[in-house]
Amino acid sequence: MIMSNNKKYGKTKLACYLGFVTQAISANFAPLLFITFHKEYGVSFSQLALISVVFYVTQLIVDLACVRIADKIGYRACIVVSEVTSAVGLAGLAFAPELFSNKLAGILTCVVIYAVGSGLIEVLCSPIIEACPFENKSKMMSLLHSFYCWGAVGVIVGSTVFFNVFGMANWRILACIWALIPLFNVFNFSTCPIEPIVEEGKGLKMTQLLKMKKFWVFIILMISAGASEVTMAQWASAFVESALNVPKAWGDLAGPCGFAVFMGLARVLYGKFGEKIDLTIFMIISGTLCFASYLLTALANIPVMGLIGCMACGFSVGIMWPGSISITSKAIPTGGTAMFALLALAGDVGGTVGPAVVGNVSQLADNNLKSGVLAGIGFPLVLIVCVFLARRMDKRLAK
């Protein structure tokens, strides 16, 4: 039966895997072009910061809007739109700036378009996999989310190789090449089997979820998971370069790239051996390792130890985001689209607040990034507390 399900839903898995790869391309490609945009279009550094802000704010808006839209027009239509908008937005980067007198407006227009796709992917791919009749849902969820990591590594390494071989002047060609992945995935999502996450009319509404006390534990869990992951991911490059004095090229490979590789590795390992491990215990161990990693990264006086801390942090946060979704899905099986949208929103809030905390603390500490990173130890501690509370609630229900 399990092998039959794997075969039947193989295309569904492939489509969702490529969906997360698409999301990684959307999140990581434009930042690689910041200096190019600055030199070619005269976009200032303060204006360049708007690219990331607009991307994540658009995702937050889509997270909320998706609750109503997905249930009204259906998952298939929404997820196909996610791939179309991702392809249009990425390819548009090659042409849109030339169509606007204000080049930044052209870039941001494309960012909004592919951020809509990224937001839809973030909300919908997890419940699509959750609805498939696989035996170990948390294992499948972990494998699914590992593809964001491999997508991030692929776009960073692939773009670096392309620029070194063909030159930065050909970046527009690469934008169109990356757009081919979501374009191909339109076909996959149009034809793969997609099951309803809950029976029609039986999914909880957003207001019902927000009135549940236990749901707020899962919201805080998701915020802390997002903060623990994105804080180190966002600051790794700058931290390695400025605080550890490692050359940028090597620092980016050992820092952000190493972080993503180890995060993906953790998700693959849990995906392979997940049925043998209690997810909540694994989450507590991961939170403890994450706490230790932030400490090591911030306090290490030897650069190699700081890099080890950064990569260990990648491994420790690997299970946090997909694990939080799996724990919540098990506790509230009728959560439906609203639950997945609110969890995605909470994760994005954590991913917005966490890096901001590090940046502000660093500034207050006379631009000392080590002090900023040290402030990040609070996020995994909150996560550990929330997982303990989730375990207690689960044991109460089991009695």
Protein backbone atom coordinates (compact mmCIF):
# COMPACT_ATOMS: atom_id res chain seq x y z
CA MET A 1 0.00 0.00 0.00
CA ILE A 2 2.81 2.41 0.91
CA MET A 3 4.73 1.65 -2.31
CA SER A 4 1.51 2.10 -4.28
CA ASN A 5 0.94 5.51 -2.67
CA ASN A 6 4.54 6.55 -3.34
CA LYS A 7 4.12 5.60 -6.99
CA LYS A 8 0.72 7.24 -7.39
CA TYR A 9 1.75 10.46 -5.69
CA GLY A 10 5.29 10.54 -7.12
CA LYS A 11 4.47 13.45 -9.42
CA THR A 12 2.85 15.31 -6.50
CA LYS A 13 6.06 14.94 -4.50
CA LEU A 14 8.20 16.06 -7.45
CA ALA A 15 5.96 19.11 -8.03
CA CYS A 16 6.15 20.14 -4.36
CA TYR A 17 9.92 19.54 -4.23
CA LEU A 18 10.41 21.79 -7.28
CA GLY A 19 8.01 24.26 -5.70
CA PHE A 20 10.37 24.68 -2.76
CA VAL A 21 13.34 24.92 -5.14
CA THR A 22 11.45 27.73 -6.89
CA GLN A 23 10.90 29.48 -3.57
CA ALA A 24 14.64 29.25 -2.83
CA ILE A 25 15.47 30.78 -6.22
CA SER A 26 12.99 33.61 -5.61
CA ALA A 27 14.45 34.36 -2.17
CA ASN A 28 18.14 34.09 -3.03
CA PHE A 29 18.72 35.13 -6.66
CA ALA A 30 18.05 38.89 -6.54
CA PRO A 31 20.38 39.48 -3.53
CA LEU A 32 23.24 38.04 -5.64
CA LEU A 33 22.63 40.91 -8.08
CA PHE A 34 22.66 43.78 -5.56
CA ILE A 35 26.05 45.13 -6.65
CA THR A 36 25.09 44.70 -10.32
CA PHE A 37 21.86 46.68 -9.77
CA HIS A 38 23.89 49.35 -7.96
CA LYS A 39 26.45 49.72 -10.76
CA GLU A 40 24.19 49.19 -13.77
CA TYR A 41 21.06 51.04 -12.68
CA GLY A 42 22.43 53.41 -10.04
CA VAL A 43 20.25 51.94 -7.29
CA SER A 44 21.53 53.07 -3.87
CA PHE A 45 22.30 50.62 -1.08
CA SER A 46 19.41 51.92 1.04
CA GLN A 47 17.07 51.35 -1.94
CA LEU A 48 18.48 47.84 -2.47
CA ALA A 49 17.32 46.96 1.05
CA LEU A 50 13.75 47.49 -0.20
CA ILE A 51 14.06 44.39 -2.41
CA SER A 52 14.19 42.03 0.59
CA VAL A 53 11.61 44.05 2.55
CA VAL A 54 9.11 44.07 -0.34
CA PHE A 55 9.67 40.34 -0.94
CA TYR A 56 8.90 39.31 2.64
CA VAL A 57 6.06 41.82 3.18
CA THR A 58 4.39 40.53 -0.01
CA GLN A 59 4.76 36.96 1.30
CA LEU A 60 3.12 37.96 4.59
CA ILE A 61 0.16 39.50 2.75
CA VAL A 62 -0.19 36.38 0.57
CA ASP A 63 -0.06 34.15 3.68
CA LEU A 64 -3.17 35.91 5.01
CA ALA A 65 -5.00 36.22 1.69
CA CYS A 66 -4.42 32.55 0.87
CA VAL A 67 -6.87 31.41 3.57
CA ARG A 68 -9.86 32.71 1.60
CA ILE A 69 -8.51 32.32 -1.93
CA ALA A 70 -7.29 28.69 -1.75
CA ASP A 71 -10.54 27.29 -0.35
CA LYS A 72 -12.64 29.26 -2.85
CA ILE A 73 -10.87 28.49 -6.12
CA GLY A 74 -9.06 25.31 -5.10
CA TYR A 75 -5.50 24.25 -4.33
CA ARG A 76 -4.65 23.25 -7.90
CA ALA A 77 -5.53 26.62 -9.42
CA CYS A 78 -3.63 28.49 -6.69
CA ILE A 79 -0.49 26.37 -6.88
CA VAL A 80 -0.40 26.62 -10.69
CA VAL A 81 -0.67 30.41 -10.32
CA SER A 82 2.27 30.26 -7.89
CA GLU A 83 4.50 28.71 -10.56
CA VAL A 84 3.31 31.07 -13.32
CA THR A 85 3.92 34.19 -11.21
CA SER A 86 7.32 32.87 -10.07
CA ALA A 87 8.38 32.28 -13.69
CA VAL A 88 7.07 35.66 -14.88
CA GLY A 89 8.70 37.54 -11.99
CA LEU A 90 12.11 35.89 -12.37
CA ALA A 91 12.21 36.25 -16.16
CA GLY A 92 10.86 39.79 -15.81
CA LEU A 93 14.01 40.85 -13.95
CA ALA A 94 15.81 40.60 -17.30
CA PHE A 95 13.46 43.02 -19.06
CA ALA A 96 11.26 45.04 -16.69
CA PRO A 97 13.85 47.56 -15.40
CA GLU A 98 14.38 48.78 -18.98
CA LEU A 99 10.63 49.47 -19.33
CA PHE A 100 10.58 51.87 -16.36
CA SER A 101 12.18 55.30 -16.10
CA ASN A 102 12.75 54.43 -12.45
CA LYS A 103 14.76 51.20 -12.64
CA LEU A 104 14.07 50.32 -9.00
CA ALA A 105 10.32 50.39 -9.72
CA GLY A 106 10.84 47.82 -12.48
CA ILE A 107 12.86 45.57 -10.18
CA LEU A 108 10.33 45.84 -7.34
CA THR A 109 7.45 45.07 -9.71
CA CYS A 110 9.14 41.75 -10.55
CA VAL A 111 9.91 41.11 -6.88
CA VAL A 112 6.21 41.53 -5.97
CA ILE A 113 5.17 39.16 -8.80
CA TYR A 114 7.52 36.33 -7.84
CA ALA A 115 6.94 36.95 -4.11
CA VAL A 116 3.24 36.20 -4.71
CA GLY A 117 4.32 32.86 -6.14
CA SER A 118 6.72 32.23 -3.28
CA GLY A 119 4.03 33.01 -0.69
CA LEU A 120 1.54 30.63 -2.32
CA ILE A 121 4.19 27.88 -2.45
CA GLU A 122 4.99 28.39 1.23
CA VAL A 123 1.35 28.05 2.28
CA LEU A 124 0.15 25.34 -0.12
CA CYS A 125 2.95 22.80 -0.67
CA SER A 126 2.97 21.62 2.96
CA PRO A 127 -0.78 20.83 3.12
CA ILE A 128 -0.64 19.22 -0.35
CA ILE A 129 1.99 16.76 0.95
CA GLU A 130 0.17 16.42 4.29
CA ALA A 131 -3.01 15.40 2.44
CA CYS A 132 -1.27 12.60 0.52
CA PRO A 133 -1.78 9.19 2.17
CA PHE A 134 1.84 8.63 3.18
CA GLU A 135 2.47 6.62 6.34
CA ASN A 136 4.94 8.95 8.09
CA LYS A 137 3.81 12.55 7.49
CA SER A 138 6.55 14.23 9.55
CA LYS A 139 9.20 12.31 7.59
CA MET A 140 7.71 13.46 4.26
CA MET A 141 7.40 17.04 5.54
CA SER A 142 11.07 17.10 6.49
CA LEU A 143 12.12 15.77 3.07
CA LEU A 144 9.91 18.36 1.37
CA HIS A 145 11.47 21.27 3.24
CA SER A 146 14.99 19.99 2.55
CA PHE A 147 14.47 21.01 -1.07
CA TYR A 148 14.41 24.67 -0.07
CA CYS A 149 17.94 24.15 1.27
CA TRP A 150 19.16 22.37 -1.86
CA GLY A 151 17.52 25.09 -3.96
CA ALA A 152 19.35 27.78 -1.99
CA VAL A 153 22.68 25.99 -2.39
CA GLY A 154 21.96 25.40 -6.08
CA VAL A 155 21.13 29.02 -6.87
CA ILE A 156 24.16 30.36 -4.97
CA VAL A 157 26.68 27.86 -6.40
CA GLY A 158 25.06 27.72 -9.86
CA SER A 159 24.94 31.50 -10.18
CA THR A 160 28.53 31.85 -8.95
CA VAL A 161 29.74 29.34 -11.56
CA PHE A 162 27.69 31.00 -14.32
CA PHE A 163 29.03 34.47 -13.49
CA ASN A 164 32.63 33.21 -13.41
CA VAL A 165 32.27 31.41 -16.76
CA PHE A 166 30.05 33.82 -18.71
CA GLY A 167 30.53 37.07 -16.79
CA MET A 168 28.18 39.27 -14.75
CA ALA A 169 27.10 41.08 -17.93
CA ASN A 170 25.02 38.01 -18.87
CA TRP A 171 22.97 37.96 -15.66
CA ARG A 172 19.74 38.49 -17.66
CA ILE A 173 20.24 35.13 -19.39
CA LEU A 174 20.61 33.44 -16.01
CA ALA A 175 17.39 35.06 -14.76
CA CYS A 176 15.55 33.45 -17.69
CA ILE A 177 17.27 30.09 -17.07
CA TRP A 178 16.13 30.03 -13.42
CA ALA A 179 12.60 30.93 -14.58
CA LEU A 180 12.46 27.65 -16.54
CA ILE A 181 12.13 25.62 -13.31
CA PRO A 182 8.75 27.06 -12.22
CA LEU A 183 7.64 27.11 -15.87
CA PHE A 184 8.28 23.35 -16.11
CA ASN A 185 6.53 22.84 -12.77
CA VAL A 186 3.31 24.36 -14.12
CA PHE A 187 2.82 21.10 -16.02
CA ASN A 188 3.54 18.98 -12.92
CA PHE A 189 1.00 20.77 -10.74
CA SER A 190 -1.58 20.79 -13.55
CA THR A 191 -1.53 16.99 -13.85
CA CYS A 192 -0.52 15.52 -10.47
CA PRO A 193 -3.08 14.10 -7.98
CA ILE A 194 -3.99 16.62 -5.26
CA GLU A 195 -6.16 15.50 -2.34
CA PRO A 196 -8.20 17.85 -0.08
CA ILE A 197 -6.47 18.51 3.24
CA VAL A 198 -9.84 18.18 5.07
CA GLU A 199 -13.34 17.37 3.88
CA GLU A 200 -15.17 20.33 2.35
CA GLY A 201 -16.73 22.52 5.02
CA LYS A 202 -14.97 20.73 7.90
CA GLY A 203 -11.77 22.81 8.06
CA LEU A 204 -11.51 25.24 10.97
CA LYS A 205 -11.82 28.96 10.27
CA MET A 206 -9.13 31.44 11.23
CA THR A 207 -11.26 32.90 14.04
CA GLN A 208 -11.85 29.41 15.47
CA LEU A 209 -8.14 28.65 15.46
CA LEU A 210 -7.22 31.96 17.09
CA LYS A 211 -9.68 31.26 19.93
CA MET A 212 -7.88 28.00 20.77
CA LYS A 213 -5.34 28.51 23.56
CA LYS A 214 -3.20 25.58 22.42
CA PHE A 215 -2.93 27.03 18.92
CA TRP A 216 -1.09 30.05 20.31
CA VAL A 217 1.59 27.68 21.64
CA PHE A 218 2.08 26.46 18.07
CA ILE A 219 2.12 30.02 16.73
CA ILE A 220 4.90 30.98 19.19
CA LEU A 221 6.67 27.70 18.34
CA MET A 222 6.58 28.63 14.64
CA ILE A 223 7.76 32.20 15.29
CA SER A 224 10.75 30.93 17.28
CA ALA A 225 11.51 28.30 14.60
CA GLY A 226 11.48 30.97 11.88
CA ALA A 227 13.60 33.34 13.97
CA SER A 228 16.16 30.64 14.89
CA GLU A 229 16.58 29.65 11.23
CA VAL A 230 16.41 32.93 9.32
CA THR A 231 18.45 35.01 11.78
CA MET A 232 21.62 32.99 11.24
CA ALA A 233 20.89 32.47 7.53
CA GLN A 234 20.50 36.22 6.92
CA TRP A 235 23.48 37.36 8.98
CA ALA A 236 25.91 34.52 8.24
CA SER A 237 27.64 36.22 5.29
CA ALA A 238 28.10 39.60 7.00
CA PHE A 239 29.10 37.93 10.29
CA VAL A 240 31.74 35.69 8.72
CA GLU A 241 33.19 38.59 6.73
CA SER A 242 33.21 41.32 9.39
CA ALA A 243 33.34 39.55 12.76
CA LEU A 244 35.54 36.59 11.77
CA ASN A 245 37.58 38.43 9.09
CA VAL A 246 37.25 35.56 6.61
CA PRO A 247 37.60 36.52 2.88
CA LYS A 248 34.13 36.99 1.36
CA ALA A 249 34.33 34.29 -1.34
CA TRP A 250 35.37 31.60 1.16
CA GLY A 251 33.14 33.07 3.83
CA ASP A 252 30.02 32.81 1.66
CA LEU A 253 30.76 29.16 0.85
CA ALA A 254 31.52 28.23 4.46
CA GLY A 255 28.90 30.54 5.98
CA PRO A 256 25.55 30.87 4.15
CA CYS A 257 26.22 27.93 1.81
CA GLY A 258 27.54 25.70 4.60
CA PHE A 259 24.55 26.67 6.73
CA ALA A 260 22.11 25.70 3.95
CA VAL A 261 23.91 22.39 3.24
CA PHE A 262 23.80 21.29 6.87
CA MET A 263 20.19 22.42 7.24
CA GLY A 264 19.26 20.33 4.22
CA LEU A 265 21.28 17.39 5.54
CA ALA A 266 19.35 17.44 8.83
CA ARG A 267 16.04 17.39 6.95
CA VAL A 268 17.14 14.52 4.70
CA LEU A 269 18.40 12.48 7.67
CA TYR A 270 15.13 12.97 9.53
CA GLY A 271 13.27 12.15 6.32
CA LYS A 272 15.19 8.87 6.08
CA PHE A 273 15.14 7.78 9.72
CA GLY A 274 12.21 9.84 11.06
CA GLU A 275 9.95 6.91 11.86
CA LYS A 276 12.50 5.70 14.45
CA ILE A 277 12.70 9.06 16.27
CA ASP A 278 10.20 10.89 18.49
CA LEU A 279 9.77 14.25 16.70
CA THR A 280 9.34 16.29 19.89
CA ILE A 281 12.49 14.80 21.43
CA PHE A 282 14.38 15.53 18.22
CA MET A 283 13.07 19.12 18.31
CA ILE A 284 14.23 19.58 21.92
CA ILE A 285 17.69 18.22 21.05
CA SER A 286 17.78 20.51 17.99
CA GLY A 287 16.81 23.53 20.10
CA THR A 288 19.58 22.74 22.59
CA LEU A 289 22.14 22.35 19.79
CA CYS A 290 20.90 25.62 18.25
CA PHE A 291 21.40 27.42 21.58
CA ALA A 292 24.94 26.01 21.81
CA SER A 293 25.63 26.95 18.16
CA TYR A 294 24.63 30.59 18.68
CA LEU A 295 26.87 30.69 21.77
CA LEU A 296 29.83 29.14 19.93
CA THR A 297 29.40 31.41 16.89
CA ALA A 298 29.18 34.56 18.99
CA LEU A 299 31.91 33.79 21.54
CA ALA A 300 34.50 31.99 19.39
CA ASN A 301 37.80 33.84 19.06
CA ILE A 302 39.12 31.47 16.40
CA PRO A 303 37.46 31.95 12.96
CA VAL A 304 37.21 28.22 12.24
CA MET A 305 35.24 27.70 15.47
CA GLY A 306 32.84 30.47 14.45
CA LEU A 307 32.34 28.80 11.07
CA ILE A 308 31.72 25.44 12.79
CA GLY A 309 29.12 27.17 14.98
CA CYS A 310 27.42 28.62 11.90
CA MET A 311 27.25 25.25 10.13
CA ALA A 312 26.15 23.44 13.31
CA CYS A 313 23.36 26.00 13.60
CA GLY A 314 22.25 25.05 10.08
CA PHE A 315 22.01 21.40 11.16
CA SER A 316 20.19 22.30 14.39
CA VAL A 317 17.47 24.41 12.73
CA GLY A 318 16.85 21.90 9.92
CA ILE A 319 13.90 20.18 11.58
CA MET A 320 12.43 23.25 13.29
CA TRP A 321 10.19 24.67 10.55
CA PRO A 322 8.84 21.38 9.09
CA GLY A 323 8.75 19.82 12.57
CA SER A 324 6.62 22.67 13.92
CA ILE A 325 4.16 22.15 11.05
CA SER A 326 4.01 18.39 11.70
CA ILE A 327 3.46 18.79 15.46
CA THR A 328 0.65 21.29 14.84
CA SER A 329 -0.97 19.11 12.12
CA LYS A 330 -1.05 16.14 14.48
CA ALA A 331 -2.53 18.19 17.33
CA ILE A 332 -5.13 19.97 15.14
CA PRO A 333 -5.92 17.60 12.23
CA THR A 334 -8.90 19.69 11.06
CA GLY A 335 -6.90 22.93 10.90
CA GLY A 336 -7.18 23.10 7.11
CA THR A 337 -5.87 25.92 4.93
CA ALA A 338 -6.29 28.54 7.66
CA MET A 339 -3.92 26.67 9.97
CA PHE A 340 -1.18 26.26 7.36
CA ALA A 341 -1.52 29.90 6.30
CA LEU A 342 -1.25 31.15 9.90
CA LEU A 343 1.77 28.90 10.54
CA ALA A 344 3.47 30.25 7.40
CA LEU A 345 2.65 33.77 8.56
CA ALA A 346 4.10 33.06 12.02
CA GLY A 347 7.28 31.62 10.50
CA ASP A 348 7.67 34.72 8.32
CA VAL A 349 7.11 36.97 11.34
CA GLY A 350 9.91 35.12 13.13
CA GLY A 351 12.08 35.42 10.03
CA THR A 352 11.46 39.17 10.00
CA VAL A 353 11.81 39.88 13.73
CA GLY A 354 14.86 37.66 14.38
CA PRO A 355 17.31 39.33 11.96
CA ALA A 356 16.00 42.76 13.04
CA VAL A 357 16.80 41.96 16.69
CA VAL A 358 20.37 40.96 15.77
CA GLY A 359 20.83 44.09 13.65
CA ASN A 360 19.53 46.46 16.33
CA VAL A 361 21.48 44.83 19.17
CA SER A 362 24.64 44.95 17.03
CA GLN A 363 24.11 48.66 16.39
CA LEU A 364 23.55 49.37 20.09
CA ALA A 365 26.76 47.46 20.83
CA ASP A 366 28.78 49.79 18.59
CA ASN A 367 28.25 47.68 15.43
CA ASN A 368 29.49 44.52 17.15
CA LEU A 369 27.86 41.62 15.26
CA LYS A 370 29.03 39.12 17.87
CA SER A 371 26.80 40.83 20.46
CA GLY A 372 23.93 40.77 17.99
CA VAL A 373 24.31 37.05 17.29
CA LEU A 374 24.56 36.38 21.03
CA ALA A 375 21.10 37.97 21.40
CA GLY A 376 19.76 35.23 19.12
CA ILE A 377 20.11 32.56 21.85
CA GLY A 378 16.65 33.47 23.11
CA PHE A 379 14.89 32.07 20.02
CA PRO A 380 15.83 28.38 20.46
CA LEU A 381 15.11 28.65 24.20
CA VAL A 382 11.53 29.76 23.46
CA LEU A 383 11.22 26.90 20.98
CA ILE A 384 12.29 24.32 23.59
CA VAL A 385 9.68 25.64 26.06
CA CYS A 386 6.94 25.47 23.39
CA VAL A 387 7.85 21.88 22.45
CA PHE A 388 7.68 20.86 26.13
CA LEU A 389 4.21 22.44 26.35
CA ALA A 390 3.15 20.63 23.15
CA ARG A 391 4.33 17.31 24.63
CA ARG A 392 2.30 17.93 27.81
CA MET A 393 -0.82 18.71 25.79
CA ASP A 394 -0.31 15.57 23.72
CA LYS A 395 0.04 13.39 26.83
CA ARG A 396 -3.12 14.90 28.34
CA LEU A 397 -5.10 14.08 25.20
CA ALA A 398 -3.70 10.53 25.21
CA LYS A 399 -5.07 9.86 28.73
